[in-house]
Every structure is written in structure tokens, then in C-alpha cells.
Amino acid sequence: MSQEIMNRVEQSCLKADVPEFEIGDTVDVHCLIHEGEKTRTQVFSGTVIARSGSGVREMFVVRRIVAGQGVERKFPVHSPRIAKVDVKRSAVVKRAKLYYLRDRVGKAVRLKERRR
């Protein structure tokens, strides 16, 4: 009974147009930033290294290199603060989580591109 109620509440919070992307894709995540009265869009570009959860609780992790340091950011898929997710390129991967990229530097971070 309580599970059914939770499912109904979650259905109202789901986005209708969920972006389609996979692990290994290089994406641009457009985030809405609220600063006082103003709202602006900030783009976070990087490689999707993980997806987890389901329904409203579905999350994805994007990793990029900034000034020689690895930066990872975790985003909720159904968040209203995510304006859109643009897929720039896709890669061929054999794993569900690409945590091994954390230990790699330079050209070793590159992934083989998937032809569409």
C-alpha cells in the first residue's frame, strides 16, 4: 500500500523529456544557477562515468579535467535545475562504471569513439 502511494508521488515529479545518454558519452550539462533575483545557465562538460538509482532518485556522475585536476559532479536526472543534457560524442565502453578513469592521466583518459 505505502509503496503504491510512493510510486504515485514519484510519477508527478518525473520529467517528461528525459535526455538519452549512456556511460562513456561526453556531455554538456546545462544547470540553472540562482543568484539572488537572477537566474543563469552554467554548462558543465565532461564524460559520464556512472549512472545509479531509478525513478526520481536516478543520478549520473560527470567527470572532467580542470587545470590538471579531476573534477566530478553528480546530477539528478529528473531535477528541475537541469535545463538540458547535450551529447557531444559517444564512446565504446565495456563497463557500467568508469571509475578506472580516475587513475589515468593525459591521453590514457581518451575513450574510443562509437560510430553511429
N, C-alpha and C. Protein backbone atom coordinates (compact mmCIF):
# COMPACT_ATOMS: atom_id res chain seq x y z
N MET A 1 0.81 -1.19 0.00
CA MET A 1 0.00 0.00 0.00
C MET A 1 0.86 1.26 0.00
N SER A 2 1.81 1.34 0.93
CA SER A 2 2.64 2.55 1.00
C SER A 2 3.55 2.68 -0.22
N GLN A 3 3.94 1.55 -0.80
CA GLN A 3 4.77 1.57 -2.00
C GLN A 3 3.99 2.16 -3.17
N GLU A 4 2.71 1.85 -3.26
CA GLU A 4 1.88 2.39 -4.32
C GLU A 4 1.74 3.91 -4.20
N ILE A 5 1.59 4.37 -2.97
CA ILE A 5 1.49 5.81 -2.73
C ILE A 5 2.79 6.50 -3.12
N MET A 6 3.91 5.90 -2.75
CA MET A 6 5.21 6.47 -3.11
C MET A 6 5.38 6.53 -4.63
N ASN A 7 4.95 5.50 -5.33
CA ASN A 7 5.06 5.47 -6.79
C ASN A 7 4.22 6.57 -7.43
N ARG A 8 3.03 6.81 -6.90
CA ARG A 8 2.18 7.88 -7.44
C ARG A 8 2.79 9.25 -7.22
N VAL A 9 3.37 9.47 -6.05
CA VAL A 9 4.01 10.75 -5.76
C VAL A 9 5.22 10.95 -6.67
N GLU A 10 6.01 9.89 -6.88
CA GLU A 10 7.19 9.98 -7.74
C GLU A 10 6.81 10.24 -9.19
N GLN A 11 5.69 9.68 -9.65
CA GLN A 11 5.27 9.88 -11.04
C GLN A 11 5.04 11.35 -11.36
N SER A 12 4.56 12.11 -10.38
CA SER A 12 4.30 13.53 -10.62
C SER A 12 5.59 14.34 -10.72
N CYS A 13 6.69 13.81 -10.17
CA CYS A 13 7.96 14.53 -10.17
C CYS A 13 8.86 14.16 -11.34
N LEU A 14 8.51 13.13 -12.10
CA LEU A 14 9.35 12.70 -13.22
C LEU A 14 9.26 13.69 -14.37
N LYS A 15 10.40 13.89 -15.05
CA LYS A 15 10.43 14.72 -16.25
C LYS A 15 9.82 13.96 -17.42
N ALA A 16 9.13 14.68 -18.28
CA ALA A 16 8.54 14.04 -19.45
C ALA A 16 9.59 13.76 -20.52
N ASP A 17 10.54 14.68 -20.69
CA ASP A 17 11.57 14.53 -21.72
C ASP A 17 12.92 14.25 -21.06
N VAL A 18 13.15 12.98 -20.73
CA VAL A 18 14.41 12.58 -20.11
C VAL A 18 15.47 12.47 -21.20
N PRO A 19 16.63 13.11 -21.03
CA PRO A 19 17.67 13.03 -22.05
C PRO A 19 18.24 11.62 -22.16
N GLU A 20 18.54 11.21 -23.39
CA GLU A 20 19.09 9.88 -23.62
C GLU A 20 20.60 9.98 -23.76
N PHE A 21 21.31 9.39 -22.82
CA PHE A 21 22.77 9.31 -22.87
C PHE A 21 23.19 8.05 -22.14
N GLU A 22 24.42 7.62 -22.40
CA GLU A 22 24.92 6.38 -21.82
C GLU A 22 26.25 6.63 -21.13
N ILE A 23 26.74 5.60 -20.48
CA ILE A 23 28.06 5.67 -19.84
C ILE A 23 29.11 5.83 -20.93
N GLY A 24 30.06 6.73 -20.72
CA GLY A 24 31.12 6.96 -21.69
C GLY A 24 30.84 8.10 -22.64
N ASP A 25 29.63 8.63 -22.64
CA ASP A 25 29.29 9.76 -23.51
C ASP A 25 29.90 11.04 -22.96
N THR A 26 30.36 11.90 -23.86
CA THR A 26 30.81 13.23 -23.48
C THR A 26 29.61 14.14 -23.61
N VAL A 27 29.25 14.79 -22.51
CA VAL A 27 28.01 15.57 -22.47
C VAL A 27 28.25 16.99 -21.98
N ASP A 28 27.33 17.89 -22.34
CA ASP A 28 27.25 19.23 -21.77
C ASP A 28 25.99 19.27 -20.93
N VAL A 29 26.14 19.49 -19.62
CA VAL A 29 25.00 19.57 -18.72
C VAL A 29 24.73 21.05 -18.44
N HIS A 30 23.56 21.52 -18.83
CA HIS A 30 23.17 22.92 -18.63
C HIS A 30 22.42 23.02 -17.31
N CYS A 31 23.06 23.65 -16.31
CA CYS A 31 22.47 23.78 -14.97
C CYS A 31 21.96 25.20 -14.78
N LEU A 32 20.80 25.32 -14.13
CA LEU A 32 20.26 26.63 -13.80
C LEU A 32 20.83 27.05 -12.45
N ILE A 33 21.48 28.21 -12.41
CA ILE A 33 22.07 28.75 -11.19
C ILE A 33 21.25 29.95 -10.77
N HIS A 34 20.78 29.95 -9.52
CA HIS A 34 20.00 31.07 -8.98
C HIS A 34 20.91 31.92 -8.10
N GLU A 35 21.10 33.17 -8.49
CA GLU A 35 21.91 34.11 -7.73
C GLU A 35 21.04 35.30 -7.37
N GLY A 36 20.52 35.31 -6.17
CA GLY A 36 19.63 36.39 -5.76
C GLY A 36 18.35 36.36 -6.56
N GLU A 37 18.07 37.44 -7.28
CA GLU A 37 16.87 37.54 -8.11
C GLU A 37 17.08 36.95 -9.50
N LYS A 38 18.34 36.82 -9.91
CA LYS A 38 18.65 36.42 -11.29
C LYS A 38 18.87 34.91 -11.40
N THR A 39 18.63 34.42 -12.61
CA THR A 39 18.90 33.02 -12.94
C THR A 39 19.75 32.97 -14.20
N ARG A 40 20.79 32.14 -14.17
CA ARG A 40 21.64 31.98 -15.34
C ARG A 40 21.90 30.50 -15.57
N THR A 41 22.39 30.19 -16.75
CA THR A 41 22.71 28.81 -17.10
C THR A 41 24.21 28.62 -17.10
N GLN A 42 24.66 27.57 -16.42
CA GLN A 42 26.08 27.24 -16.39
C GLN A 42 26.25 25.87 -17.01
N VAL A 43 27.24 25.73 -17.88
CA VAL A 43 27.46 24.46 -18.59
C VAL A 43 28.62 23.71 -17.94
N PHE A 44 28.38 22.44 -17.64
CA PHE A 44 29.41 21.56 -17.10
C PHE A 44 29.64 20.47 -18.15
N SER A 45 30.82 20.45 -18.75
CA SER A 45 31.15 19.48 -19.81
C SER A 45 32.04 18.40 -19.27
N GLY A 46 31.81 17.17 -19.68
CA GLY A 46 32.66 16.08 -19.24
C GLY A 46 32.14 14.74 -19.71
N THR A 47 32.74 13.68 -19.18
CA THR A 47 32.41 12.31 -19.54
C THR A 47 31.53 11.69 -18.46
N VAL A 48 30.47 11.04 -18.87
CA VAL A 48 29.60 10.34 -17.91
C VAL A 48 30.31 9.06 -17.48
N ILE A 49 30.62 8.96 -16.17
CA ILE A 49 31.35 7.78 -15.70
C ILE A 49 30.47 6.83 -14.90
N ALA A 50 29.26 7.26 -14.51
CA ALA A 50 28.38 6.38 -13.74
C ALA A 50 26.94 6.85 -13.81
N ARG A 51 26.04 5.89 -13.70
CA ARG A 51 24.60 6.15 -13.51
C ARG A 51 24.15 5.24 -12.39
N SER A 52 23.25 5.75 -11.56
CA SER A 52 22.76 4.93 -10.46
C SER A 52 21.34 5.31 -10.11
N GLY A 53 20.65 4.42 -9.42
CA GLY A 53 19.29 4.69 -8.99
C GLY A 53 18.28 4.46 -10.08
N SER A 54 17.01 4.70 -9.71
CA SER A 54 15.93 4.57 -10.68
C SER A 54 14.82 5.50 -10.27
N GLY A 55 13.95 5.81 -11.22
CA GLY A 55 12.84 6.70 -10.93
C GLY A 55 13.31 8.11 -10.63
N VAL A 56 12.75 8.72 -9.62
CA VAL A 56 13.10 10.09 -9.25
C VAL A 56 14.52 10.16 -8.70
N ARG A 57 14.99 9.08 -8.12
CA ARG A 57 16.31 9.06 -7.48
C ARG A 57 17.45 8.72 -8.44
N GLU A 58 17.20 8.72 -9.73
CA GLU A 58 18.25 8.38 -10.70
C GLU A 58 19.27 9.52 -10.79
N MET A 59 20.55 9.17 -10.70
CA MET A 59 21.64 10.15 -10.72
C MET A 59 22.67 9.73 -11.77
N PHE A 60 23.49 10.71 -12.20
CA PHE A 60 24.61 10.40 -13.07
C PHE A 60 25.80 11.27 -12.67
N VAL A 61 27.00 10.73 -12.87
CA VAL A 61 28.24 11.41 -12.48
C VAL A 61 29.00 11.81 -13.74
N VAL A 62 29.41 13.08 -13.80
CA VAL A 62 30.16 13.61 -14.93
C VAL A 62 31.53 14.01 -14.43
N ARG A 63 32.58 13.61 -15.16
CA ARG A 63 33.96 13.90 -14.76
C ARG A 63 34.65 14.70 -15.86
N ARG A 64 35.42 15.70 -15.45
CA ARG A 64 36.23 16.46 -16.40
C ARG A 64 37.51 16.88 -15.71
N ILE A 65 38.48 17.32 -16.51
CA ILE A 65 39.77 17.78 -16.00
C ILE A 65 39.81 19.29 -16.09
N VAL A 66 40.08 19.96 -14.96
CA VAL A 66 40.17 21.41 -14.90
C VAL A 66 41.52 21.76 -14.29
N ALA A 67 42.37 22.45 -15.06
CA ALA A 67 43.69 22.88 -14.60
C ALA A 67 44.49 21.71 -14.03
N GLY A 68 44.41 20.56 -14.69
CA GLY A 68 45.19 19.41 -14.27
C GLY A 68 44.58 18.61 -13.13
N GLN A 69 43.45 19.02 -12.61
CA GLN A 69 42.78 18.34 -11.52
C GLN A 69 41.48 17.72 -12.04
N GLY A 70 41.17 16.52 -11.59
CA GLY A 70 39.91 15.89 -11.95
C GLY A 70 38.78 16.43 -11.09
N VAL A 71 37.68 16.79 -11.75
CA VAL A 71 36.50 17.31 -11.05
C VAL A 71 35.32 16.44 -11.43
N GLU A 72 34.61 15.93 -10.42
CA GLU A 72 33.42 15.13 -10.66
C GLU A 72 32.23 15.82 -10.04
N ARG A 73 31.10 15.71 -10.73
CA ARG A 73 29.88 16.31 -10.22
C ARG A 73 28.73 15.34 -10.45
N LYS A 74 27.89 15.20 -9.47
CA LYS A 74 26.77 14.26 -9.52
C LYS A 74 25.48 15.04 -9.72
N PHE A 75 24.70 14.63 -10.72
CA PHE A 75 23.47 15.33 -11.07
C PHE A 75 22.28 14.39 -10.97
N PRO A 76 21.13 14.88 -10.49
CA PRO A 76 19.90 14.10 -10.58
C PRO A 76 19.31 14.23 -11.99
N VAL A 77 18.89 13.15 -12.59
CA VAL A 77 18.37 13.16 -13.96
C VAL A 77 17.09 13.97 -14.05
N HIS A 78 16.21 13.85 -13.06
CA HIS A 78 14.89 14.48 -13.12
C HIS A 78 14.83 15.81 -12.39
N SER A 79 15.96 16.43 -12.11
CA SER A 79 15.97 17.70 -11.38
C SER A 79 15.46 18.84 -12.26
N PRO A 80 14.66 19.75 -11.69
CA PRO A 80 14.22 20.91 -12.47
C PRO A 80 15.36 21.90 -12.72
N ARG A 81 16.47 21.77 -12.01
CA ARG A 81 17.61 22.66 -12.20
C ARG A 81 18.50 22.23 -13.36
N ILE A 82 18.25 21.07 -13.93
CA ILE A 82 18.97 20.63 -15.12
C ILE A 82 18.13 21.05 -16.32
N ALA A 83 18.60 22.06 -17.06
CA ALA A 83 17.85 22.56 -18.21
C ALA A 83 17.87 21.55 -19.35
N LYS A 84 19.07 21.07 -19.70
CA LYS A 84 19.18 20.06 -20.76
C LYS A 84 20.54 19.39 -20.68
N VAL A 85 20.63 18.24 -21.35
CA VAL A 85 21.87 17.49 -21.45
C VAL A 85 22.12 17.25 -22.92
N ASP A 86 23.22 17.81 -23.44
CA ASP A 86 23.59 17.63 -24.85
C ASP A 86 24.68 16.58 -24.95
N VAL A 87 24.49 15.59 -25.80
CA VAL A 87 25.51 14.56 -26.04
C VAL A 87 26.41 15.05 -27.16
N LYS A 88 27.69 15.23 -26.86
CA LYS A 88 28.66 15.70 -27.86
C LYS A 88 29.26 14.54 -28.65
N ARG A 89 29.62 13.48 -27.94
CA ARG A 89 30.15 12.30 -28.61
C ARG A 89 29.92 11.08 -27.74
N SER A 90 29.88 9.92 -28.36
CA SER A 90 29.67 8.65 -27.65
C SER A 90 30.94 7.83 -27.73
N ALA A 91 31.12 6.96 -26.75
CA ALA A 91 32.31 6.13 -26.71
C ALA A 91 31.92 4.67 -26.52
N VAL A 92 32.79 3.78 -26.99
CA VAL A 92 32.61 2.35 -26.80
C VAL A 92 33.18 2.00 -25.42
N VAL A 93 32.34 1.48 -24.53
CA VAL A 93 32.79 1.08 -23.20
C VAL A 93 32.31 -0.33 -22.92
N LYS A 94 33.02 -1.03 -22.04
CA LYS A 94 32.68 -2.40 -21.69
C LYS A 94 32.28 -2.55 -20.24
N ARG A 95 32.13 -1.42 -19.54
CA ARG A 95 31.78 -1.47 -18.14
C ARG A 95 30.64 -0.51 -17.83
N ALA A 96 29.96 -0.77 -16.73
CA ALA A 96 28.85 0.08 -16.31
C ALA A 96 29.35 1.30 -15.53
N LYS A 97 30.49 1.19 -14.89
CA LYS A 97 31.08 2.30 -14.14
C LYS A 97 32.51 2.49 -14.63
N LEU A 98 32.88 3.73 -14.93
CA LEU A 98 34.21 4.01 -15.47
C LEU A 98 35.11 4.66 -14.42
N TYR A 99 35.07 4.11 -13.20
CA TYR A 99 35.87 4.68 -12.12
C TYR A 99 37.37 4.53 -12.36
N TYR A 100 37.77 3.63 -13.25
CA TYR A 100 39.19 3.45 -13.54
C TYR A 100 39.79 4.69 -14.22
N LEU A 101 38.95 5.58 -14.78
CA LEU A 101 39.46 6.80 -15.41
C LEU A 101 40.04 7.76 -14.39
N ARG A 102 39.69 7.59 -13.11
CA ARG A 102 40.23 8.46 -12.06
C ARG A 102 41.74 8.32 -11.91
N ASP A 103 42.26 7.14 -12.21
CA ASP A 103 43.69 6.89 -12.05
C ASP A 103 44.50 7.22 -13.30
N ARG A 104 43.84 7.58 -14.37
CA ARG A 104 44.52 7.83 -15.64
C ARG A 104 44.78 9.30 -15.87
N VAL A 105 45.86 9.59 -16.62
CA VAL A 105 46.27 10.96 -16.88
C VAL A 105 46.57 11.12 -18.36
N GLY A 106 46.26 12.28 -18.90
CA GLY A 106 46.62 12.61 -20.28
C GLY A 106 45.86 11.81 -21.32
N LYS A 107 46.61 11.27 -22.30
CA LYS A 107 45.98 10.56 -23.41
C LYS A 107 45.35 9.24 -22.98
N ALA A 108 45.73 8.72 -21.82
CA ALA A 108 45.16 7.46 -21.34
C ALA A 108 43.69 7.61 -20.95
N VAL A 109 43.23 8.83 -20.79
CA VAL A 109 41.83 9.08 -20.41
C VAL A 109 40.90 8.96 -21.61
N ARG A 110 41.45 9.07 -22.81
CA ARG A 110 40.62 9.04 -24.02
C ARG A 110 39.90 7.70 -24.16
N LEU A 111 38.69 7.75 -24.67
CA LEU A 111 37.90 6.56 -24.95
C LEU A 111 37.68 6.46 -26.46
N LYS A 112 37.55 5.23 -26.95
CA LYS A 112 37.36 5.01 -28.37
C LYS A 112 35.96 5.46 -28.79
N GLU A 113 35.87 6.25 -29.84
CA GLU A 113 34.59 6.83 -30.25
C GLU A 113 33.69 5.79 -30.90
N ARG A 114 32.39 5.88 -30.60
CA ARG A 114 31.40 4.98 -31.19
C ARG A 114 30.87 5.63 -32.47
N ARG A 115 30.86 4.84 -33.56
CA ARG A 115 30.33 5.33 -34.83
C ARG A 115 28.83 5.12 -34.85
N ARG A 116 28.08 6.12 -35.27
CA ARG A 116 26.61 5.99 -35.31
C ARG A 116 26.12 5.92 -36.72
